[in-house]
C-alpha atoms as a PDB file:
ATOM      1  CA  UNK A   1       0.263  -0.077   0.170  1.00  0.00           C
ATOM      2  CA  UNK A   2       2.643   2.088   0.845  1.00  0.00           C
ATOM      3  CA  UNK A   3       4.072   2.101  -3.187  1.00  0.00           C
ATOM      4  CA  UNK A   4       0.808   2.530  -3.910  1.00  0.00           C
ATOM      5  CA  UNK A   5       0.548   5.775  -2.172  1.00  0.00           C
ATOM      6  CA  UNK A   6       3.811   6.802  -2.817  1.00  0.00           C
ATOM      7  CA  UNK A   7       3.349   6.853  -6.961  1.00  0.00           C
ATOM      8  CA  UNK A   8       0.174   8.677  -6.638  1.00  0.00           C
ATOM      9  CA  UNK A   9       1.860  11.187  -4.719  1.00  0.00           C
ATOM     10  CA  UNK A  10       5.209  11.589  -7.189  1.00  0.00           C
ATOM     11  CA  UNK A  11       1.971  11.387  -9.945  1.00  0.00           C
ATOM     12  CA  UNK A  12       0.263  14.193  -8.548  1.00  0.00           C
ATOM     13  CA  UNK A  13       3.175  16.181  -7.956  1.00  0.00           C
ATOM     14  CA  UNK A  14       4.340  15.480 -11.624  1.00  0.00           C
ATOM     15  CA  UNK A  15       0.805  16.410 -12.990  1.00  0.00           C
ATOM     16  CA  UNK A  16       0.986  19.725 -10.734  1.00  0.00           C
ATOM     17  CA  UNK A  17       4.327  20.522 -12.581  1.00  0.00           C
ATOM     18  CA  UNK A  18       2.819  20.112 -15.702  1.00  0.00           C
ATOM     19  CA  UNK A  19      -0.016  21.744 -15.487  1.00  0.00           C
ATOM     20  CA  UNK A  20       2.381  25.126 -14.146  1.00  0.00           C
ATOM     21  CA  UNK A  21       4.532  24.611 -16.635  1.00  0.00           C
ATOM     22  CA  UNK A  22       1.804  24.739 -18.943  1.00  0.00           C
ATOM     23  CA  UNK A  23       0.029  27.663 -17.961  1.00  0.00           C
ATOM     24  CA  UNK A  24       3.536  29.495 -17.759  1.00  0.00           C
ATOM     25  CA  UNK A  25       3.803  28.861 -21.621  1.00  0.00           C
ATOM     26  CA  UNK A  26       0.313  29.075 -22.900  1.00  0.00           C
ATOM     27  CA  UNK A  27      -1.674  32.158 -23.948  1.00  0.00           C
ATOM     28  CA  UNK A  28      -5.052  31.356 -24.641  1.00  0.00           C
ATOM     29  CA  UNK A  29      -7.558  33.730 -26.605  1.00  0.00           C
ATOM     30  CA  UNK A  30     -10.974  33.819 -28.441  1.00  0.00           C
ATOM     31  CA  UNK A  31     -11.994  36.158 -31.342  1.00  0.00           C
ATOM     32  CA  UNK A  32     -14.155  36.804 -34.484  1.00  0.00           C
ATOM     33  CA  UNK A  33     -12.597  36.740 -38.325  1.00  0.00           C
ATOM     34  CA  UNK A  34     -13.843  37.733 -41.798  1.00  0.00           C
ATOM     35  CA  UNK A  35     -12.757  34.999 -43.925  1.00  0.00           C
ATOM     36  CA  UNK A  36     -12.640  35.262 -47.806  1.00  0.00           C
ATOM     37  CA  UNK A  37     -12.819  32.181 -50.075  1.00  0.00           C
ATOM     38  CA  UNK A  38     -11.527  32.833 -53.570  1.00  0.00           C
ATOM     39  CA  UNK A  39     -12.550  30.054 -56.062  1.00  0.00           C
ATOM     40  CA  UNK A  40     -10.929  30.473 -59.581  1.00  0.00           C
ATOM     41  CA  UNK A  41     -10.965  28.490 -62.460  1.00  0.00           C
ATOM     42  CA  UNK A  42      -8.160  26.666 -63.685  1.00  0.00           C
ATOM     43  CA  UNK A  43      -6.060  28.415 -66.623  1.00  0.00           C
ATOM     44  CA  UNK A  44      -6.565  27.588 -70.031  1.00  0.00           C
ATOM     45  CA  UNK A  45      -5.197  29.345 -73.117  1.00  0.00           C
ATOM     46  CA  UNK A  46      -7.394  31.081 -74.852  1.00  0.00           C
ATOM     47  CA  UNK A  47      -9.830  31.546 -71.936  1.00  0.00           C
ATOM     48  CA  UNK A  48     -10.379  34.352 -69.103  1.00  0.00           C
ATOM     49  CA  UNK A  49     -10.187  32.922 -65.680  1.00  0.00           C
ATOM     50  CA  UNK A  50     -13.421  33.459 -63.760  1.00  0.00           C
ATOM     51  CA  UNK A  51     -13.292  34.168 -59.825  1.00  0.00           C
ATOM     52  CA  UNK A  52     -16.065  34.010 -57.362  1.00  0.00           C
ATOM     53  CA  UNK A  53     -15.376  34.947 -53.508  1.00  0.00           C
ATOM     54  CA  UNK A  54     -17.343  33.672 -50.787  1.00  0.00           C
ATOM     55  CA  UNK A  55     -17.211  35.734 -47.276  1.00  0.00           C
ATOM     56  CA  UNK A  56     -17.890  34.057 -43.624  1.00  0.00           C
ATOM     57  CA  UNK A  57     -17.785  35.767 -40.597  1.00  0.00           C
ATOM     58  CA  UNK A  58     -16.606  33.131 -38.135  1.00  0.00           C
ATOM     59  CA  UNK A  59     -15.664  32.547 -34.371  1.00  0.00           C
ATOM     60  CA  UNK A  60     -12.316  31.665 -33.506  1.00  0.00           C
ATOM     61  CA  UNK A  61     -10.950  29.968 -30.438  1.00  0.00           C
ATOM     62  CA  UNK A  62      -7.094  28.946 -30.315  1.00  0.00           C
ATOM     63  CA  UNK A  63      -4.091  29.040 -27.996  1.00  0.00           C
ATOM     64  CA  UNK A  64      -0.542  30.554 -28.476  1.00  0.00           C
ATOM     65  CA  UNK A  65       2.407  27.978 -26.863  1.00  0.00           C
ATOM     66  CA  UNK A  66       5.471  29.822 -26.359  1.00  0.00           C
ATOM     67  CA  UNK A  67       8.241  26.908 -27.124  1.00  0.00           C
ATOM     68  CA  UNK A  68      11.130  29.369 -26.226  1.00  0.00           C
ATOM     69  CA  UNK A  69      11.260  33.254 -25.233  1.00  0.00           C
ATOM     70  CA  UNK A  70      14.266  35.348 -23.733  1.00  0.00           C
ATOM     71  CA  UNK A  71      12.922  37.318 -20.552  1.00  0.00           C
ATOM     72  CA  UNK A  72       9.507  37.259 -21.415  1.00  0.00           C
ATOM     73  CA  UNK A  73      10.083  39.983 -24.436  1.00  0.00           C
ATOM     74  CA  UNK A  74      10.453  38.434 -27.135  1.00  0.00           C
ATOM     75  CA  UNK A  75       8.938  34.413 -28.171  1.00  0.00           C
ATOM     76  CA  UNK A  76       8.545  31.515 -30.529  1.00  0.00           C
ATOM     77  CA  UNK A  77       6.039  29.277 -30.613  1.00  0.00           C
ATOM     78  CA  UNK A  78       3.323  27.494 -32.201  1.00  0.00           C
ATOM     79  CA  UNK A  79      -0.534  28.685 -32.444  1.00  0.00           C
ATOM     80  CA  UNK A  80      -3.463  26.019 -33.433  1.00  0.00           C
ATOM     81  CA  UNK A  81      -6.934  28.301 -34.007  1.00  0.00           C
ATOM     82  CA  UNK A  82     -10.008  26.522 -34.974  1.00  0.00           C
ATOM     83  CA  UNK A  83     -12.139  29.029 -36.875  1.00  0.00           C
ATOM     84  CA  UNK A  84     -16.362  28.355 -37.165  1.00  0.00           C
ATOM     85  CA  UNK A  85     -18.616  30.101 -39.355  1.00  0.00           C
ATOM     86  CA  UNK A  86     -22.096  30.726 -40.509  1.00  0.00           C
ATOM     87  CA  UNK A  87     -24.174  32.292 -43.071  1.00  0.00           C
ATOM     88  CA  UNK A  88     -27.633  32.337 -43.149  1.00  0.00           C
ATOM     89  CA  UNK A  89     -28.849  33.027 -47.009  1.00  0.00           C
ATOM     90  CA  UNK A  90     -32.430  33.846 -48.567  1.00  0.00           C
ATOM     91  CA  UNK A  91     -32.966  31.658 -51.568  1.00  0.00           C
ATOM     92  CA  UNK A  92     -36.269  33.010 -52.066  1.00  0.00           C
ATOM     93  CA  UNK A  93     -38.922  30.163 -50.215  1.00  0.00           C
ATOM     94  CA  UNK A  94     -36.130  28.516 -48.435  1.00  0.00           C
ATOM     95  CA  UNK A  95     -33.878  29.657 -46.204  1.00  0.00           C
ATOM     96  CA  UNK A  96     -30.528  28.008 -46.037  1.00  0.00           C
ATOM     97  CA  UNK A  97     -27.717  27.227 -43.885  1.00  0.00           C
ATOM     98  CA  UNK A  98     -24.149  28.177 -45.054  1.00  0.00           C
ATOM     99  CA  UNK A  99     -20.653  26.934 -43.279  1.00  0.00           C
ATOM    100  CA  UNK A 100     -17.104  27.212 -42.853  1.00  0.00           C
ATOM    101  CA  UNK A 101     -14.895  25.357 -40.802  1.00  0.00           C
ATOM    102  CA  UNK A 102     -10.961  26.245 -40.663  1.00  0.00           C
ATOM    103  CA  UNK A 103      -8.048  24.965 -38.808  1.00  0.00           C
ATOM    104  CA  UNK A 104      -5.313  27.315 -38.861  1.00  0.00           C
ATOM    105  CA  UNK A 105      -1.535  26.609 -37.620  1.00  0.00           C
ATOM    106  CA  UNK A 106       1.029  28.736 -37.481  1.00  0.00           C
ATOM    107  CA  UNK A 107       5.085  28.665 -36.403  1.00  0.00           C
ATOM    108  CA  UNK A 108       4.831  32.372 -34.474  1.00  0.00           C
ATOM    109  CA  UNK A 109       7.403  34.607 -33.393  1.00  0.00           C
ATOM    110  CA  UNK A 110       6.244  37.265 -31.122  1.00  0.00           C
ATOM    111  CA  UNK A 111       7.530  40.365 -29.335  1.00  0.00           C
ATOM    112  CA  UNK A 112       6.372  41.980 -26.487  1.00  0.00           C
ATOM    113  CA  UNK A 113       2.663  42.384 -25.596  1.00  0.00           C
ATOM    114  CA  UNK A 114       1.903  38.850 -25.679  1.00  0.00           C
ATOM    115  CA  UNK A 115       4.775  37.214 -26.060  1.00  0.00           C
ATOM    116  CA  UNK A 116       4.274  34.938 -23.283  1.00  0.00           C
ATOM    117  CA  UNK A 117       1.945  35.501 -20.492  1.00  0.00           C
ATOM    118  CA  UNK A 118       4.277  37.295 -18.023  1.00  0.00           C
ATOM    119  CA  UNK A 119       4.984  39.775 -20.829  1.00  0.00           C
ATOM    120  CA  UNK A 120       3.754  43.101 -19.337  1.00  0.00           C
ATOM    121  CA  UNK A 121       4.412  45.718 -22.332  1.00  0.00           C
ATOM    122  CA  UNK A 122       1.879  47.853 -24.223  1.00  0.00           C
ATOM    123  CA  UNK A 123       2.327  46.712 -27.731  1.00  0.00           C
ATOM    124  CA  UNK A 124       3.307  44.068 -29.608  1.00  0.00           C
ATOM    125  CA  UNK A 125       3.940  42.317 -32.717  1.00  0.00           C
ATOM    126  CA  UNK A 126       4.049  38.944 -34.184  1.00  0.00           C
ATOM    127  CA  UNK A 127       4.404  37.200 -37.833  1.00  0.00           C
ATOM    128  CA  UNK A 128       3.692  33.586 -38.551  1.00  0.00           C
ATOM    129  CA  UNK A 129       3.907  31.284 -41.106  1.00  0.00           C
ATOM    130  CA  UNK A 130       1.920  27.866 -41.481  1.00  0.00           C
ATOM    131  CA  UNK A 131      -1.160  26.909 -43.081  1.00  0.00           C
ATOM    132  CA  UNK A 132      -4.798  27.045 -43.118  1.00  0.00           C
ATOM    133  CA  UNK A 133      -7.324  23.646 -43.502  1.00  0.00           C
ATOM    134  CA  UNK A 134     -10.939  24.896 -45.129  1.00  0.00           C
ATOM    135  CA  UNK A 135     -14.033  22.689 -45.241  1.00  0.00           C
ATOM    136  CA  UNK A 136     -17.049  24.950 -46.623  1.00  0.00           C
ATOM    137  CA  UNK A 137     -20.827  24.320 -47.571  1.00  0.00           C
ATOM    138  CA  UNK A 138     -22.646  26.711 -49.609  1.00  0.00           C
ATOM    139  CA  UNK A 139     -26.217  26.616 -50.878  1.00  0.00           C
ATOM    140  CA  UNK A 140     -26.145  28.056 -54.564  1.00  0.00           C
ATOM    141  CA  UNK A 141     -29.676  27.902 -56.024  1.00  0.00           C
ATOM    142  CA  UNK A 142     -33.161  25.740 -54.555  1.00  0.00           C
ATOM    143  CA  UNK A 143     -31.662  22.650 -55.541  1.00  0.00           C
ATOM    144  CA  UNK A 144     -27.868  22.914 -55.516  1.00  0.00           C
ATOM    145  CA  UNK A 145     -25.007  22.987 -53.186  1.00  0.00           C
ATOM    146  CA  UNK A 146     -21.286  23.539 -53.378  1.00  0.00           C
ATOM    147  CA  UNK A 147     -18.894  21.740 -50.890  1.00  0.00           C
ATOM    148  CA  UNK A 148     -15.129  21.554 -51.074  1.00  0.00           C
ATOM    149  CA  UNK A 149     -12.123  21.079 -48.721  1.00  0.00           C
ATOM    150  CA  UNK A 150      -8.587  22.476 -49.146  1.00  0.00           C
ATOM    151  CA  UNK A 151      -5.474  23.336 -47.628  1.00  0.00           C
ATOM    152  CA  UNK A 152      -3.704  26.721 -48.336  1.00  0.00           C
ATOM    153  CA  UNK A 153       0.158  27.547 -46.961  1.00  0.00           C
ATOM    154  CA  UNK A 154      -0.472  31.210 -45.460  1.00  0.00           C
ATOM    155  CA  UNK A 155       1.165  33.432 -43.410  1.00  0.00           C
ATOM    156  CA  UNK A 156       0.042  35.674 -40.592  1.00  0.00           C
ATOM    157  CA  UNK A 157       0.589  39.320 -39.313  1.00  0.00           C
ATOM    158  CA  UNK A 158      -0.791  40.699 -36.079  1.00  0.00           C
ATOM    159  CA  UNK A 159      -0.365  43.884 -34.044  1.00  0.00           C
ATOM    160  CA  UNK A 160      -1.402  43.503 -30.098  1.00  0.00           C
ATOM    161  CA  UNK A 161      -2.170  45.973 -27.472  1.00  0.00           C
ATOM    162  CA  UNK A 162      -1.513  44.548 -23.757  1.00  0.00           C
ATOM    163  CA  UNK A 163      -3.351  45.385 -21.093  1.00  0.00           C
ATOM    164  CA  UNK A 164      -3.242  44.446 -17.059  1.00  0.00           C
ATOM    165  CA  UNK A 165      -4.014  40.882 -17.335  1.00  0.00           C
ATOM    166  CA  UNK A 166      -5.274  40.495 -20.434  1.00  0.00           C
ATOM    167  CA  UNK A 167      -4.395  41.627 -24.716  1.00  0.00           C
ATOM    168  CA  UNK A 168      -6.122  42.612 -27.748  1.00  0.00           C
ATOM    169  CA  UNK A 169      -4.830  41.489 -31.051  1.00  0.00           C
ATOM    170  CA  UNK A 170      -5.321  42.528 -35.080  1.00  0.00           C
ATOM    171  CA  UNK A 171      -4.697  40.481 -37.136  1.00  0.00           C
ATOM    172  CA  UNK A 172      -4.512  39.335 -41.151  1.00  0.00           C
ATOM    173  CA  UNK A 173      -3.660  36.332 -42.904  1.00  0.00           C
ATOM    174  CA  UNK A 174      -3.022  35.186 -46.560  1.00  0.00           C
ATOM    175  CA  UNK A 175      -2.791  32.417 -48.682  1.00  0.00           C
ATOM    176  CA  UNK A 176       1.021  31.956 -50.028  1.00  0.00           C
ATOM    177  CA  UNK A 177      -0.658  29.876 -52.613  1.00  0.00           C
ATOM    178  CA  UNK A 178      -3.068  28.939 -54.535  1.00  0.00           C
ATOM    179  CA  UNK A 179      -4.189  25.047 -54.311  1.00  0.00           C
ATOM    180  CA  UNK A 180      -6.805  23.142 -56.890  1.00  0.00           C
ATOM    181  CA  UNK A 181      -9.341  20.880 -55.156  1.00  0.00           C
ATOM    182  CA  UNK A 182     -12.560  19.377 -56.142  1.00  0.00           C
ATOM    183  CA  UNK A 183     -15.791  21.766 -56.250  1.00  0.00           C
ATOM    184  CA  UNK A 184     -18.805  19.020 -55.373  1.00  0.00           C
ATOM    185  CA  UNK A 185     -22.195  19.833 -56.280  1.00  0.00           C
ATOM    186  CA  UNK A 186     -24.966  18.338 -55.491  1.00  0.00           C
ATOM    187  CA  UNK A 187     -26.249  18.214 -59.458  1.00  0.00           C
ATOM    188  CA  UNK A 188     -23.275  16.038 -60.002  1.00  0.00           C
ATOM    189  CA  UNK A 189     -21.365  18.820 -61.569  1.00  0.00           C
ATOM    190  CA  UNK A 190     -18.060  18.410 -59.663  1.00  0.00           C
ATOM    191  CA  UNK A 191     -14.954  20.185 -60.962  1.00  0.00           C
ATOM    192  CA  UNK A 192     -11.212  21.193 -60.092  1.00  0.00           C
ATOM    193  CA  UNK A 193     -10.796  24.723 -59.675  1.00  0.00           C
ATOM    194  CA  UNK A 194      -7.813  26.643 -57.446  1.00  0.00           C
ATOM    195  CA  UNK A 195      -8.824  27.866 -54.249  1.00  0.00           C
ATOM    196  CA  UNK A 196      -7.248  30.594 -51.513  1.00  0.00           C
ATOM    197  CA  UNK A 197      -8.546  32.017 -48.770  1.00  0.00           C
ATOM    198  CA  UNK A 198      -7.144  35.483 -46.363  1.00  0.00           C
ATOM    199  CA  UNK A 199      -9.091  36.892 -43.257  1.00  0.00           C
ATOM    200  CA  UNK A 200      -8.696  39.497 -41.212  1.00  0.00           C
ATOM    201  CA  UNK A 201     -10.065  39.358 -37.194  1.00  0.00           C
ATOM    202  CA  UNK A 202      -9.878  40.593 -33.773  1.00  0.00           C
ATOM    203  CA  UNK A 203      -8.562  38.346 -30.688  1.00  0.00           C
ATOM    204  CA  UNK A 204      -8.862  38.298 -27.245  1.00  0.00           C
ATOM    205  CA  UNK A 205      -6.177  36.770 -25.183  1.00  0.00           C
ATOM    206  CA  UNK A 206      -6.942  36.314 -21.084  1.00  0.00           C
END
């Protein structure tokens, strides 16, 4: 029994230590973003490229993990996010729900505010590079719905205003390259298109 008790004590201390380390490095955040998805026909000799743009208001949840830092002023880390957005569309005698789900992930560098949970500077900047995986669905007509999934390599830039125990960040991200993927249609007229994504947002770290 004493060995079991010793094991549980060590396990408890280890868990508390891990939680403390995570708290020292993790900055969770919530926010909103305005996302734009561009769908373009593939280049064909003698034909004009046709583009359409879809926009979505999304809710953001994520966290920044500062893997390495110097005096809580500059840090390098990872930031996974999830964006979820819905649009209600009125198509005459039918109301449809468009949606988008995104999982942006960035390797980040931050200077100043928001560099670590303990940074107390007033202003900060951040740069990130990574990618955004997107799934969206949109009602086109009463009978037809478009769906697509695609992954864009992406870059992100942000500016932060720090407060006592939180910070507010304005950010923008954009695709570094278009990607080819299938646009599926309930009418059966699937096709290959080029996709890209960019967006702007506000997040609140606490």
